[in-house]
Amino acid sequence: MPNCLPRSNGARCEASSDVGNFDFVEGTLPAVHADCVRAESYVSSDARSACFYGRRAAEELVWHLYGVL
């Protein structure tokens, strides 16, 4: 039986996919993507590491934005 997620249209379930929350960043900012994925992987097991990598990703994003703008 596939993992099921509720659908917004009221249907019972929809098969989950292996799409990550930060896959949209991978092509443009691979360094930020790597830190985002690592932070996400630590959320349940090590909150301190998750915060560290989340902050690191945010700092990389800010540096990128300063360079672009």
Protein backbone atom coordinates (compact mmCIF):
# COMPACT_ATOMS: atom_id res chain seq x y z
CA MET A 1 0.00 0.00 0.00
CA PRO A 2 1.50 3.38 -0.98
CA ASN A 3 1.99 6.16 1.50
CA CYS A 4 -1.02 8.42 1.26
CA LEU A 5 -1.30 12.17 1.64
CA PRO A 6 -4.64 14.02 1.87
CA ARG A 7 -5.67 15.82 -1.28
CA SER A 8 -7.09 19.33 -1.35
CA ASN A 9 -10.03 18.27 -3.53
CA GLY A 10 -11.33 15.87 -0.87
CA ALA A 11 -10.15 12.63 -2.45
CA ARG A 12 -9.00 9.97 -0.01
CA CYS A 13 -5.30 9.89 -0.81
CA GLU A 14 -2.58 10.49 -3.33
CA ALA A 15 0.65 8.53 -3.62
CA SER A 16 3.55 10.50 -2.18
CA SER A 17 6.51 11.27 -4.40
CA ASP A 18 10.19 11.58 -3.63
CA VAL A 19 10.28 15.31 -4.26
CA GLY A 20 12.14 17.23 -1.59
CA ASN A 21 11.07 20.54 -0.11
CA PHE A 22 14.10 22.30 -1.56
CA ASP A 23 14.51 20.64 -4.96
CA PHE A 24 13.61 23.91 -6.69
CA VAL A 25 16.85 25.45 -5.38
CA GLU A 26 19.19 22.74 -6.62
CA GLY A 27 19.76 24.03 -10.16
CA THR A 28 20.35 27.65 -9.20
CA LEU A 29 22.10 27.47 -5.84
CA PRO A 30 23.60 24.01 -5.27
CA ALA A 31 25.46 25.05 -2.09
CA VAL A 32 22.25 26.37 -0.53
CA HIS A 33 20.40 23.24 -1.64
CA ALA A 34 22.94 20.97 0.04
CA ASP A 35 22.61 22.84 3.34
CA CYS A 36 18.80 22.87 3.11
CA VAL A 37 18.66 19.12 2.52
CA ARG A 38 21.07 18.48 5.39
CA ALA A 39 19.05 20.73 7.73
CA GLU A 40 15.87 18.94 6.75
CA SER A 41 17.45 15.54 7.39
CA TYR A 42 18.37 16.55 10.97
CA VAL A 43 14.99 17.99 11.96
CA SER A 44 13.81 14.91 13.86
CA SER A 45 17.11 13.55 15.13
CA ASP A 46 19.30 16.56 15.98
CA ALA A 47 17.61 19.94 16.32
CA ARG A 48 20.86 21.81 16.98
CA SER A 49 22.41 20.57 13.73
CA ALA A 50 19.19 21.36 11.86
CA CYS A 51 19.34 24.95 13.15
CA PHE A 52 23.01 25.24 12.24
CA TYR A 53 22.50 24.10 8.65
CA GLY A 54 19.29 26.11 8.30
CA ARG A 55 21.12 29.27 9.38
CA ARG A 56 24.03 28.44 7.09
CA ALA A 57 21.65 28.07 4.14
CA ALA A 58 19.99 31.39 5.01
CA GLU A 59 23.38 33.14 5.18
CA GLU A 60 24.40 31.71 1.80
CA LEU A 61 21.13 32.93 0.33
CA VAL A 62 21.67 36.43 1.72
CA TRP A 63 25.20 36.54 0.27
CA HIS A 64 23.81 35.42 -3.08
CA LEU A 65 21.14 38.13 -3.00
CA TYR A 66 23.69 40.82 -2.15
CA GLY A 67 25.72 39.72 -5.17
CA VAL A 68 22.71 39.77 -7.49
CA LEU A 69 21.09 42.96 -6.28
